[in-house]
Amino acid sequence: MDGQVIRHRGRLLAVTALAAALVLTGCGADDSGTADKAVAPAVAHGDAAQRDNAAAAPEVAGEPQKGGAGQAGTGAPDLRVDQRAIIYTGSMRVQVDDVDGEAREVSALVTRSGGFIGGDQRRSAGADAVAELQLRVPAEKFTAVVDEIAKRGSQQSREISTEDATEAIVDLDARITSQRARVESARRLLARASSITDLVSLENELGRREADLASLEAKKRRLADLTALSTITVTLVGPAAKATEEKAESGFLVGLKGGWKAFVASLTVLLTVLGALLPWLVAFGVPVAALLLVLRRRRKAPVVTAGVSAPPPVPAARSAP
């Protein structure tokens, strides 16, 4: 009887343990499924966010190239050459056979390029003729026009210089904006003036601010003109024209050479003056010298009067003892 009870209890414990194991296994499966269901959306959201970031990355990386560094909000200057304001200035000397004919061809070339002739000076005529033209051409056609002019004859010299005016224009824009705000502020104050004194004072201040604004705008227009139209000074010379003057030298030997030339020139002038005065000295100097010699001899000769004897000498008086 006791053995049956013990075996019955053992089976009951085994069934209970098995049931507990099954319950625990089911709970673990439910928990893991729930966790998987909870984590899945987060993972999916993270993958979507990662994909969005990856898709946006090329746009961010390409932003400076697409919009340039000068876009609003970036704050960095635009370093691209095509976005900068460059002032081109050039001068060249070309020897040609027909100065007048080539000057007309150059003028026509500039007109076709969209520019104009800023100045035209002609000297002499024939084989030694010289024509100096000041050309204003669009900046984008500067190099092409210079090369075309050089092909029209024998190029003797060429000098080209550039100046970056980007920062100056940006500074002028900022100053103009600020000055316009100051002008508007003065106008508002002038509209609310309540006395003659305030009215006169505000009118004077408004006039000064408007004058400063006009000066800044004129500077900007000047820079805009220089950047839009480049300046080329072209000198066309004939076959017999003098060659280009050499650049000025400096140094001790150059100074010594210049001093010797000045001394020789001064000595030449002095000898020229003496040569011019010599005939006058001979014509008037010899008679004058002879007359002075005769007068000096007469002063030295004793004067004797005829029939009158000189009185005897008077003895000197003696003093009493």
C-alpha atoms as a PDB file:
ATOM      1  CA  MET A   1       0.000   0.000   0.000  1.00  0.00           C
ATOM      2  CA  ASP A   2       2.760   2.432   0.847  1.00  0.00           C
ATOM      3  CA  GLY A   3       4.618   1.499  -2.339  1.00  0.00           C
ATOM      4  CA  GLN A   4       1.600   2.277  -4.506  1.00  0.00           C
ATOM      5  CA  VAL A   5       1.176   5.648  -2.855  1.00  0.00           C
ATOM      6  CA  ILE A   6       4.829   6.480  -3.464  1.00  0.00           C
ATOM      7  CA  ARG A   7       4.616   5.438  -7.136  1.00  0.00           C
ATOM      8  CA  HIS A   8       1.407   7.455  -7.577  1.00  0.00           C
ATOM      9  CA  ARG A   9       3.070  10.551  -6.123  1.00  0.00           C
ATOM     10  CA  GLY A  10       6.077  10.069  -8.382  1.00  0.00           C
ATOM     11  CA  ARG A  11       3.907   9.917 -11.493  1.00  0.00           C
ATOM     12  CA  LEU A  12       2.017  13.023 -10.321  1.00  0.00           C
ATOM     13  CA  LEU A  13       5.270  14.923  -9.819  1.00  0.00           C
ATOM     14  CA  ALA A  14       6.508  13.856 -13.261  1.00  0.00           C
ATOM     15  CA  VAL A  15       3.282  14.958 -14.952  1.00  0.00           C
ATOM     16  CA  THR A  16       3.394  18.242 -13.038  1.00  0.00           C
ATOM     17  CA  ALA A  17       6.999  18.823 -14.068  1.00  0.00           C
ATOM     18  CA  LEU A  18       6.208  18.018 -17.707  1.00  0.00           C
ATOM     19  CA  ALA A  19       3.227  20.356 -17.665  1.00  0.00           C
ATOM     20  CA  ALA A  20       5.344  23.113 -16.125  1.00  0.00           C
ATOM     21  CA  ALA A  21       8.001  22.585 -18.796  1.00  0.00           C
ATOM     22  CA  LEU A  22       5.416  22.796 -21.565  1.00  0.00           C
ATOM     23  CA  VAL A  23       3.945  25.971 -20.054  1.00  0.00           C
ATOM     24  CA  LEU A  24       7.377  27.582 -19.766  1.00  0.00           C
ATOM     25  CA  THR A  25       8.232  26.611 -23.331  1.00  0.00           C
ATOM     26  CA  GLY A  26       5.018  28.152 -24.634  1.00  0.00           C
ATOM     27  CA  CYS A  27       5.577  31.356 -22.693  1.00  0.00           C
ATOM     28  CA  GLY A  28       9.116  31.632 -24.019  1.00  0.00           C
ATOM     29  CA  ALA A  29       7.869  31.175 -27.567  1.00  0.00           C
ATOM     30  CA  ASP A  30       5.179  33.809 -27.055  1.00  0.00           C
ATOM     31  CA  ASP A  31       7.678  36.234 -25.523  1.00  0.00           C
ATOM     32  CA  SER A  32      10.154  35.759 -28.337  1.00  0.00           C
ATOM     33  CA  GLY A  33       7.398  36.219 -30.921  1.00  0.00           C
ATOM     34  CA  THR A  34       6.207  39.341 -29.196  1.00  0.00           C
ATOM     35  CA  ALA A  35       9.725  40.668 -28.994  1.00  0.00           C
ATOM     36  CA  ASP A  36      10.265  39.885 -32.665  1.00  0.00           C
ATOM     37  CA  LYS A  37       7.043  41.669 -33.518  1.00  0.00           C
ATOM     38  CA  ALA A  38       8.099  44.688 -31.440  1.00  0.00           C
ATOM     39  CA  VAL A  39      11.639  44.836 -32.835  1.00  0.00           C
ATOM     40  CA  ALA A  40      10.685  44.290 -36.479  1.00  0.00           C
ATOM     41  CA  PRO A  41       9.081  47.718 -37.003  1.00  0.00           C
ATOM     42  CA  ALA A  42      12.025  49.393 -35.341  1.00  0.00           C
ATOM     43  CA  VAL A  43      14.463  47.542 -37.585  1.00  0.00           C
ATOM     44  CA  ALA A  44      12.358  48.314 -40.620  1.00  0.00           C
ATOM     45  CA  HIS A  45      12.206  51.973 -39.608  1.00  0.00           C
ATOM     46  CA  GLY A  46      15.967  52.040 -39.057  1.00  0.00           C
ATOM     47  CA  ASP A  47      16.575  50.491 -42.485  1.00  0.00           C
ATOM     48  CA  ALA A  48      14.253  53.013 -44.095  1.00  0.00           C
ATOM     49  CA  ALA A  49      15.987  55.887 -42.314  1.00  0.00           C
ATOM     50  CA  GLN A  50      19.351  54.499 -43.379  1.00  0.00           C
ATOM     51  CA  ARG A  51      18.135  54.232 -46.964  1.00  0.00           C
ATOM     52  CA  ASP A  52      16.838  57.805 -46.816  1.00  0.00           C
ATOM     53  CA  ASN A  53      20.162  59.039 -45.484  1.00  0.00           C
ATOM     54  CA  ALA A  54      22.017  57.137 -48.170  1.00  0.00           C
ATOM     55  CA  ALA A  55      19.760  58.617 -50.834  1.00  0.00           C
ATOM     56  CA  ALA A  56      20.212  62.129 -49.436  1.00  0.00           C
ATOM     57  CA  ALA A  57      23.987  61.774 -49.138  1.00  0.00           C
ATOM     58  CA  PRO A  58      24.736  62.354 -52.861  1.00  0.00           C
ATOM     59  CA  GLU A  59      22.570  65.461 -52.816  1.00  0.00           C
ATOM     60  CA  VAL A  60      24.417  66.883 -49.812  1.00  0.00           C
ATOM     61  CA  ALA A  61      27.763  65.941 -51.277  1.00  0.00           C
ATOM     62  CA  GLY A  62      26.866  67.521 -54.607  1.00  0.00           C
ATOM     63  CA  GLU A  63      25.318  70.645 -53.133  1.00  0.00           C
ATOM     64  CA  PRO A  64      28.450  72.835 -53.322  1.00  0.00           C
ATOM     65  CA  GLN A  65      28.930  71.785 -56.935  1.00  0.00           C
ATOM     66  CA  LYS A  66      25.315  72.331 -57.989  1.00  0.00           C
ATOM     67  CA  GLY A  67      24.492  75.538 -56.192  1.00  0.00           C
ATOM     68  CA  GLY A  68      27.999  76.855 -55.677  1.00  0.00           C
ATOM     69  CA  ALA A  69      29.514  77.948 -52.427  1.00  0.00           C
ATOM     70  CA  GLY A  70      28.033  81.396 -52.858  1.00  0.00           C
ATOM     71  CA  GLN A  71      24.427  80.239 -52.243  1.00  0.00           C
ATOM     72  CA  ALA A  72      22.543  81.731 -49.350  1.00  0.00           C
ATOM     73  CA  GLY A  73      23.040  79.797 -46.157  1.00  0.00           C
ATOM     74  CA  THR A  74      26.411  78.262 -47.015  1.00  0.00           C
ATOM     75  CA  GLY A  75      28.494  81.333 -46.056  1.00  0.00           C
ATOM     76  CA  ALA A  76      31.583  80.280 -48.074  1.00  0.00           C
ATOM     77  CA  PRO A  77      32.915  82.374 -50.995  1.00  0.00           C
ATOM     78  CA  ASP A  78      32.497  81.128 -54.545  1.00  0.00           C
ATOM     79  CA  LEU A  79      35.944  80.161 -55.806  1.00  0.00           C
ATOM     80  CA  ARG A  80      34.933  79.236 -59.337  1.00  0.00           C
ATOM     81  CA  VAL A  81      36.603  81.333 -62.036  1.00  0.00           C
ATOM     82  CA  ASP A  82      33.422  81.766 -64.058  1.00  0.00           C
ATOM     83  CA  GLN A  83      31.693  83.294 -61.028  1.00  0.00           C
ATOM     84  CA  ARG A  84      34.379  85.886 -60.295  1.00  0.00           C
ATOM     85  CA  ALA A  85      34.593  89.453 -61.595  1.00  0.00           C
ATOM     86  CA  ILE A  86      37.872  89.761 -63.530  1.00  0.00           C
ATOM     87  CA  ILE A  87      39.111  93.003 -65.087  1.00  0.00           C
ATOM     88  CA  TYR A  88      41.245  92.357 -68.183  1.00  0.00           C
ATOM     89  CA  THR A  89      43.640  95.033 -69.453  1.00  0.00           C
ATOM     90  CA  GLY A  90      46.009  94.661 -72.384  1.00  0.00           C
ATOM     91  CA  SER A  91      48.358  96.638 -74.592  1.00  0.00           C
ATOM     92  CA  MET A  92      50.127  95.576 -77.762  1.00  0.00           C
ATOM     93  CA  ARG A  93      52.262  97.024 -80.553  1.00  0.00           C
ATOM     94  CA  VAL A  94      51.953  95.655 -84.080  1.00  0.00           C
ATOM     95  CA  GLN A  95      53.926  96.677 -87.153  1.00  0.00           C
ATOM     96  CA  VAL A  96      51.829  96.707 -90.337  1.00  0.00           C
ATOM     97  CA  ASP A  97      52.292  97.805 -93.936  1.00  0.00           C
ATOM     98  CA  ASP A  98      49.196 100.045 -94.132  1.00  0.00           C
ATOM     99  CA  VAL A  99      48.423 101.732 -90.807  1.00  0.00           C
ATOM    100  CA  ASP A 100      45.181 103.418 -91.858  1.00  0.00           C
ATOM    101  CA  GLY A 101      43.807 100.320 -93.587  1.00  0.00           C
ATOM    102  CA  GLU A 102      44.614  98.038 -90.638  1.00  0.00           C
ATOM    103  CA  ALA A 103      43.122 100.572 -88.230  1.00  0.00           C
ATOM    104  CA  ARG A 104      39.844 100.367 -90.143  1.00  0.00           C
ATOM    105  CA  GLU A 105      39.952  96.554 -90.076  1.00  0.00           C
ATOM    106  CA  VAL A 106      40.613  96.518 -86.324  1.00  0.00           C
ATOM    107  CA  SER A 107      37.703  98.916 -85.746  1.00  0.00           C
ATOM    108  CA  ALA A 108      35.407  96.650 -87.744  1.00  0.00           C
ATOM    109  CA  LEU A 109      36.618  93.608 -85.785  1.00  0.00           C
ATOM    110  CA  VAL A 110      35.831  95.292 -82.461  1.00  0.00           C
ATOM    111  CA  THR A 111      32.376  96.325 -83.683  1.00  0.00           C
ATOM    112  CA  ARG A 112      31.592  92.762 -84.779  1.00  0.00           C
ATOM    113  CA  SER A 113      32.686  91.510 -81.356  1.00  0.00           C
ATOM    114  CA  GLY A 114      30.137  93.744 -79.628  1.00  0.00           C
ATOM    115  CA  GLY A 115      32.597  96.416 -78.486  1.00  0.00           C
ATOM    116  CA  PHE A 116      33.458  99.967 -79.503  1.00  0.00           C
ATOM    117  CA  ILE A 117      36.406 102.315 -80.066  1.00  0.00           C
ATOM    118  CA  GLY A 118      37.194 104.297 -76.930  1.00  0.00           C
ATOM    119  CA  GLY A 119      39.974 106.416 -78.425  1.00  0.00           C
ATOM    120  CA  ASP A 120      41.778 106.964 -81.743  1.00  0.00           C
ATOM    121  CA  GLN A 121      45.012 108.932 -82.175  1.00  0.00           C
ATOM    122  CA  ARG A 122      46.945 109.161 -85.445  1.00  0.00           C
ATOM    123  CA  ARG A 123      50.449 110.579 -85.953  1.00  0.00           C
ATOM    124  CA  SER A 124      52.350 111.201 -89.168  1.00  0.00           C
ATOM    125  CA  ALA A 125      51.516 109.438 -92.421  1.00  0.00           C
ATOM    126  CA  GLY A 126      53.102 107.089 -94.874  1.00  0.00           C
ATOM    127  CA  ALA A 127      55.716 104.513 -93.878  1.00  0.00           C
ATOM    128  CA  ASP A 128      56.345 106.046 -90.427  1.00  0.00           C
ATOM    129  CA  ALA A 129      52.668 106.464 -89.500  1.00  0.00           C
ATOM    130  CA  VAL A 130      51.453 105.562 -86.003  1.00  0.00           C
ATOM    131  CA  ALA A 131      47.867 104.869 -84.904  1.00  0.00           C
ATOM    132  CA  GLU A 132      46.974 104.328 -81.250  1.00  0.00           C
ATOM    133  CA  LEU A 133      43.542 102.773 -80.678  1.00  0.00           C
ATOM    134  CA  GLN A 134      41.813 102.192 -77.352  1.00  0.00           C
ATOM    135  CA  LEU A 135      39.424  99.271 -77.747  1.00  0.00           C
ATOM    136  CA  ARG A 136      36.610  98.169 -75.424  1.00  0.00           C
ATOM    137  CA  VAL A 137      35.556  94.573 -76.065  1.00  0.00           C
ATOM    138  CA  PRO A 138      33.443  92.076 -74.077  1.00  0.00           C
ATOM    139  CA  ALA A 139      35.490  90.207 -71.497  1.00  0.00           C
ATOM    140  CA  GLU A 140      34.616  86.772 -72.911  1.00  0.00           C
ATOM    141  CA  LYS A 141      36.052  87.786 -76.315  1.00  0.00           C
ATOM    142  CA  PHE A 142      39.175  89.487 -74.995  1.00  0.00           C
ATOM    143  CA  THR A 143      41.654  86.722 -75.893  1.00  0.00           C
ATOM    144  CA  ALA A 144      40.151  86.084 -79.329  1.00  0.00           C
ATOM    145  CA  VAL A 145      40.327  89.767 -80.291  1.00  0.00           C
ATOM    146  CA  VAL A 146      43.930  90.101 -79.079  1.00  0.00           C
ATOM    147  CA  ASP A 147      45.022  87.050 -81.079  1.00  0.00           C
ATOM    148  CA  GLU A 148      43.224  88.291 -84.186  1.00  0.00           C
ATOM    149  CA  ILE A 149      44.908  91.704 -84.004  1.00  0.00           C
ATOM    150  CA  ALA A 150      48.324  90.084 -83.534  1.00  0.00           C
ATOM    151  CA  LYS A 151      47.837  88.180 -86.811  1.00  0.00           C
ATOM    152  CA  ARG A 152      47.379  91.363 -88.826  1.00  0.00           C
ATOM    153  CA  GLY A 153      51.082  92.203 -88.797  1.00  0.00           C
ATOM    154  CA  SER A 154      54.356  91.675 -86.968  1.00  0.00           C
ATOM    155  CA  GLN A 155      53.723  91.807 -83.232  1.00  0.00           C
ATOM    156  CA  GLN A 156      56.479  93.703 -81.428  1.00  0.00           C
ATOM    157  CA  SER A 157      55.157  93.632 -77.862  1.00  0.00           C
ATOM    158  CA  ARG A 158      52.189  92.432 -75.814  1.00  0.00           C
ATOM    159  CA  GLU A 159      51.322  93.062 -72.156  1.00  0.00           C
ATOM    160  CA  ILE A 160      48.187  91.635 -70.511  1.00  0.00           C
ATOM    161  CA  SER A 161      47.186  92.086 -66.863  1.00  0.00           C
ATOM    162  CA  THR A 162      44.191  90.950 -64.808  1.00  0.00           C
ATOM    163  CA  GLU A 163      42.601  92.191 -61.597  1.00  0.00           C
ATOM    164  CA  ASP A 164      40.110  90.296 -59.454  1.00  0.00           C
ATOM    165  CA  ALA A 165      37.352  92.716 -58.410  1.00  0.00           C
ATOM    166  CA  THR A 166      35.051  90.130 -56.826  1.00  0.00           C
ATOM    167  CA  GLU A 167      35.694  91.153 -53.226  1.00  0.00           C
ATOM    168  CA  ALA A 168      35.402  94.847 -54.089  1.00  0.00           C
ATOM    169  CA  ILE A 169      32.001  94.290 -55.718  1.00  0.00           C
ATOM    170  CA  VAL A 170      30.743  92.202 -52.792  1.00  0.00           C
ATOM    171  CA  ASP A 171      31.884  94.916 -50.371  1.00  0.00           C
ATOM    172  CA  LEU A 172      30.189  97.597 -52.455  1.00  0.00           C
ATOM    173  CA  ASP A 173      26.935  95.610 -52.517  1.00  0.00           C
ATOM    174  CA  ALA A 174      26.948  95.351 -48.726  1.00  0.00           C
ATOM    175  CA  ARG A 175      27.732  99.043 -48.290  1.00  0.00           C
ATOM    176  CA  ILE A 176      25.045 100.058 -50.789  1.00  0.00           C
ATOM    177  CA  THR A 177      22.439  97.955 -48.982  1.00  0.00           C
ATOM    178  CA  SER A 178      23.385  99.499 -45.643  1.00  0.00           C
ATOM    179  CA  GLN A 179      23.420 103.013 -47.080  1.00  0.00           C
ATOM    180  CA  ARG A 180      19.988 102.568 -48.645  1.00  0.00           C
ATOM    181  CA  ALA A 181      18.640 101.558 -45.248  1.00  0.00           C
ATOM    182  CA  ARG A 182      20.156 104.696 -43.732  1.00  0.00           C
ATOM    183  CA  VAL A 183      18.571 106.848 -46.446  1.00  0.00           C
ATOM    184  CA  GLU A 184      15.144 105.314 -45.834  1.00  0.00           C
ATOM    185  CA  SER A 185      15.548 105.859 -42.090  1.00  0.00           C
ATOM    186  CA  ALA A 186      16.388 109.533 -42.661  1.00  0.00           C
ATOM    187  CA  ARG A 187      13.353 109.912 -44.918  1.00  0.00           C
ATOM    188  CA  ARG A 188      11.055 108.459 -42.272  1.00  0.00           C
ATOM    189  CA  LEU A 189      12.469 110.803 -39.659  1.00  0.00           C
ATOM    190  CA  LEU A 190      12.079 113.733 -42.060  1.00  0.00           C
ATOM    191  CA  ALA A 191       8.414 112.872 -42.583  1.00  0.00           C
ATOM    192  CA  ARG A 192       7.850 113.062 -38.796  1.00  0.00           C
ATOM    193  CA  ALA A 193       9.773 116.316 -38.258  1.00  0.00           C
ATOM    194  CA  SER A 194       7.786 118.741 -36.098  1.00  0.00           C
ATOM    195  CA  SER A 195       9.981 121.859 -36.092  1.00  0.00           C
ATOM    196  CA  ILE A 196      11.946 123.943 -38.570  1.00  0.00           C
ATOM    197  CA  THR A 197      15.226 123.128 -36.822  1.00  0.00           C
ATOM    198  CA  ASP A 198      14.613 119.400 -37.023  1.00  0.00           C
ATOM    199  CA  LEU A 199      13.462 119.743 -40.626  1.00  0.00           C
ATOM    200  CA  VAL A 200      16.627 121.578 -41.718  1.00  0.00           C
ATOM    201  CA  SER A 201      18.909 119.207 -39.823  1.00  0.00           C
ATOM    202  CA  LEU A 202      17.233 116.093 -41.229  1.00  0.00           C
ATOM    203  CA  GLU A 203      17.266 117.504 -44.772  1.00  0.00           C
ATOM    204  CA  ASN A 204      21.025 118.087 -44.525  1.00  0.00           C
ATOM    205  CA  GLU A 205      21.586 114.598 -43.131  1.00  0.00           C
ATOM    206  CA  LEU A 206      19.397 113.075 -45.838  1.00  0.00           C
ATOM    207  CA  GLY A 207      21.346 114.953 -48.500  1.00  0.00           C
ATOM    208  CA  ARG A 208      24.664 113.637 -47.178  1.00  0.00           C
ATOM    209  CA  ARG A 209      23.396 110.073 -47.047  1.00  0.00           C
ATOM    210  CA  GLU A 210      21.986 110.269 -50.568  1.00  0.00           C
ATOM    211  CA  ALA A 211      25.278 111.678 -51.839  1.00  0.00           C
ATOM    212  CA  ASP A 212      27.207 108.801 -50.237  1.00  0.00           C
ATOM    213  CA  LEU A 213      24.758 106.324 -51.765  1.00  0.00           C
ATOM    214  CA  ALA A 214      25.159 107.891 -55.209  1.00  0.00           C
ATOM    215  CA  SER A 215      28.959 107.691 -54.887  1.00  0.00           C
ATOM    216  CA  LEU A 216      28.842 104.001 -53.967  1.00  0.00           C
ATOM    217  CA  GLU A 217      26.483 103.228 -56.836  1.00  0.00           C
ATOM    218  CA  ALA A 218      28.772 105.092 -59.255  1.00  0.00           C
ATOM    219  CA  LYS A 219      31.755 103.006 -58.095  1.00  0.00           C
ATOM    220  CA  LYS A 220      29.758  99.840 -58.629  1.00  0.00           C
ATOM    221  CA  ARG A 221      28.752 100.921 -62.130  1.00  0.00           C
ATOM    222  CA  ARG A 222      32.396 101.666 -62.907  1.00  0.00           C
ATOM    223  CA  LEU A 223      33.507  98.219 -61.739  1.00  0.00           C
ATOM    224  CA  ALA A 224      30.663  96.608 -63.632  1.00  0.00           C
ATOM    225  CA  ASP A 225      31.755  98.422 -66.787  1.00  0.00           C
ATOM    226  CA  LEU A 226      35.382  97.364 -66.353  1.00  0.00           C
ATOM    227  CA  THR A 227      34.450  93.731 -65.786  1.00  0.00           C
ATOM    228  CA  ALA A 228      31.935  93.601 -68.639  1.00  0.00           C
ATOM    229  CA  LEU A 229      34.136  95.377 -71.212  1.00  0.00           C
ATOM    230  CA  SER A 230      37.892  94.824 -71.263  1.00  0.00           C
ATOM    231  CA  THR A 231      40.331  97.525 -72.417  1.00  0.00           C
ATOM    232  CA  ILE A 232      42.940  96.895 -75.130  1.00  0.00           C
ATOM    233  CA  THR A 233      45.391  99.615 -76.188  1.00  0.00           C
ATOM    234  CA  VAL A 234      46.644  98.801 -79.698  1.00  0.00           C
ATOM    235  CA  THR A 235      49.502 100.703 -81.339  1.00  0.00           C
ATOM    236  CA  LEU A 236      49.772 100.167 -85.095  1.00  0.00           C
ATOM    237  CA  VAL A 237      53.084 101.384 -86.600  1.00  0.00           C
ATOM    238  CA  GLY A 238      54.357 101.563 -90.144  1.00  0.00           C
ATOM    239  CA  PRO A 239      57.491  99.857 -91.500  1.00  0.00           C
ATOM    240  CA  ALA A 240      59.664 102.986 -91.020  1.00  0.00           C
ATOM    241  CA  ALA A 241      58.421 103.856 -87.524  1.00  0.00           C
ATOM    242  CA  LYS A 242      60.921 103.980 -84.694  1.00  0.00           C
ATOM    243  CA  ALA A 243      61.320 100.867 -82.627  1.00  0.00           C
ATOM    244  CA  THR A 244      59.886 100.623 -79.159  1.00  0.00           C
ATOM    245  CA  GLU A 245      61.845 102.590 -76.592  1.00  0.00           C
ATOM    246  CA  GLU A 246      63.883 100.473 -74.223  1.00  0.00           C
ATOM    247  CA  LYS A 247      62.945 100.343 -70.588  1.00  0.00           C
ATOM    248  CA  ALA A 248      64.700 102.761 -68.255  1.00  0.00           C
ATOM    249  CA  GLU A 249      67.834 101.349 -66.636  1.00  0.00           C
ATOM    250  CA  SER A 250      69.288 102.137 -63.235  1.00  0.00           C
ATOM    251  CA  GLY A 251      72.579 101.712 -61.417  1.00  0.00           C
ATOM    252  CA  PHE A 252      75.957 103.371 -60.859  1.00  0.00           C
ATOM    253  CA  LEU A 253      77.195 102.981 -64.432  1.00  0.00           C
ATOM    254  CA  VAL A 254      73.939 104.317 -65.809  1.00  0.00           C
ATOM    255  CA  GLY A 255      74.220 107.357 -63.519  1.00  0.00           C
ATOM    256  CA  LEU A 256      77.874 107.884 -64.471  1.00  0.00           C
ATOM    257  CA  LYS A 257      76.990 107.706 -68.131  1.00  0.00           C
ATOM    258  CA  GLY A 258      74.171 110.192 -67.665  1.00  0.00           C
ATOM    259  CA  GLY A 259      76.429 112.567 -65.703  1.00  0.00           C
ATOM    260  CA  TRP A 260      79.116 112.442 -68.407  1.00  0.00           C
ATOM    261  CA  LYS A 261      76.518 113.202 -71.057  1.00  0.00           C
ATOM    262  CA  ALA A 262      75.274 116.157 -68.996  1.00  0.00           C
ATOM    263  CA  PHE A 263      78.867 117.449 -68.541  1.00  0.00           C
ATOM    264  CA  VAL A 264      79.607 117.197 -72.259  1.00  0.00           C
ATOM    265  CA  ALA A 265      76.332 118.911 -73.073  1.00  0.00           C
ATOM    266  CA  SER A 266      77.079 121.747 -70.617  1.00  0.00           C
ATOM    267  CA  LEU A 267      80.602 122.162 -71.962  1.00  0.00           C
ATOM    268  CA  THR A 268      79.270 122.267 -75.501  1.00  0.00           C
ATOM    269  CA  VAL A 269      76.814 124.992 -74.534  1.00  0.00           C
ATOM    270  CA  LEU A 270      79.587 126.998 -72.828  1.00  0.00           C
ATOM    271  CA  LEU A 271      81.888 126.769 -75.844  1.00  0.00           C
ATOM    272  CA  THR A 272      79.024 127.768 -78.100  1.00  0.00           C
ATOM    273  CA  VAL A 273      78.382 130.878 -76.005  1.00  0.00           C
ATOM    274  CA  LEU A 274      82.101 131.789 -76.005  1.00  0.00           C
ATOM    275  CA  GLY A 275      82.270 131.336 -79.751  1.00  0.00           C
ATOM    276  CA  ALA A 276      79.324 133.642 -80.179  1.00  0.00           C
ATOM    277  CA  LEU A 277      80.841 136.334 -77.899  1.00  0.00           C
ATOM    278  CA  LEU A 278      84.399 136.191 -79.328  1.00  0.00           C
ATOM    279  CA  PRO A 279      83.804 138.532 -82.313  1.00  0.00           C
ATOM    280  CA  TRP A 280      82.255 141.117 -80.017  1.00  0.00           C
ATOM    281  CA  LEU A 281      85.195 140.870 -77.626  1.00  0.00           C
ATOM    282  CA  VAL A 282      87.668 141.421 -80.462  1.00  0.00           C
ATOM    283  CA  ALA A 283      85.722 144.320 -81.950  1.00  0.00           C
ATOM    284  CA  PHE A 284      85.187 146.225 -78.711  1.00  0.00           C
ATOM    285  CA  GLY A 285      87.714 144.779 -76.286  1.00  0.00           C
ATOM    286  CA  VAL A 286      90.943 145.768 -78.199  1.00  0.00           C
ATOM    287  CA  PRO A 287      90.101 149.508 -78.556  1.00  0.00           C
ATOM    288  CA  VAL A 288      88.945 149.700 -74.971  1.00  0.00           C
ATOM    289  CA  ALA A 289      92.162 148.042 -73.744  1.00  0.00           C
ATOM    290  CA  ALA A 290      94.319 150.444 -75.802  1.00  0.00           C
ATOM    291  CA  LEU A 291      92.460 153.469 -74.441  1.00  0.00           C
ATOM    292  CA  LEU A 292      92.914 152.297 -70.852  1.00  0.00           C
ATOM    293  CA  LEU A 293      96.655 151.805 -71.449  1.00  0.00           C
ATOM    294  CA  VAL A 294      97.081 155.353 -72.792  1.00  0.00           C
ATOM    295  CA  LEU A 295      95.200 156.848 -69.847  1.00  0.00           C
ATOM    296  CA  ARG A 296      97.352 154.959 -67.359  1.00  0.00           C
ATOM    297  CA  ARG A 297     100.611 156.246 -68.968  1.00  0.00           C
ATOM    298  CA  ARG A 298      99.420 159.827 -68.864  1.00  0.00           C
ATOM    299  CA  ARG A 299      98.725 159.602 -65.171  1.00  0.00           C
ATOM    300  CA  LYS A 300     102.291 158.453 -64.460  1.00  0.00           C
ATOM    301  CA  ALA A 301     104.075 161.217 -66.498  1.00  0.00           C
ATOM    302  CA  PRO A 302     105.128 164.517 -64.486  1.00  0.00           C
ATOM    303  CA  VAL A 303     103.361 167.769 -65.418  1.00  0.00           C
ATOM    304  CA  VAL A 304     105.824 170.727 -66.295  1.00  0.00           C
ATOM    305  CA  THR A 305     104.614 174.341 -66.895  1.00  0.00           C
ATOM    306  CA  ALA A 306     106.845 176.505 -69.271  1.00  0.00           C
ATOM    307  CA  GLY A 307     108.395 179.880 -67.852  1.00  0.00           C
ATOM    308  CA  VAL A 308     107.421 179.227 -64.265  1.00  0.00           C
ATOM    309  CA  SER A 309     110.076 178.048 -61.825  1.00  0.00           C
ATOM    310  CA  ALA A 310     109.248 176.081 -58.850  1.00  0.00           C
ATOM    311  CA  PRO A 311     109.512 177.958 -55.489  1.00  0.00           C
ATOM    312  CA  PRO A 312     112.544 177.142 -53.306  1.00  0.00           C
ATOM    313  CA  PRO A 313     111.938 174.748 -50.518  1.00  0.00           C
ATOM    314  CA  VAL A 314     111.113 176.326 -47.152  1.00  0.00           C
ATOM    315  CA  PRO A 315     113.470 175.177 -44.348  1.00  0.00           C
ATOM    316  CA  ALA A 316     111.851 173.546 -41.448  1.00  0.00           C
ATOM    317  CA  ALA A 317     111.328 175.712 -38.380  1.00  0.00           C
ATOM    318  CA  ARG A 318     113.416 174.920 -35.375  1.00  0.00           C
ATOM    319  CA  SER A 319     112.108 174.986 -31.898  1.00  0.00           C
ATOM    320  CA  ALA A 320     113.684 177.358 -29.262  1.00  0.00           C
ATOM    321  CA  PRO A 321     116.199 175.925 -26.813  1.00  0.00           C
END
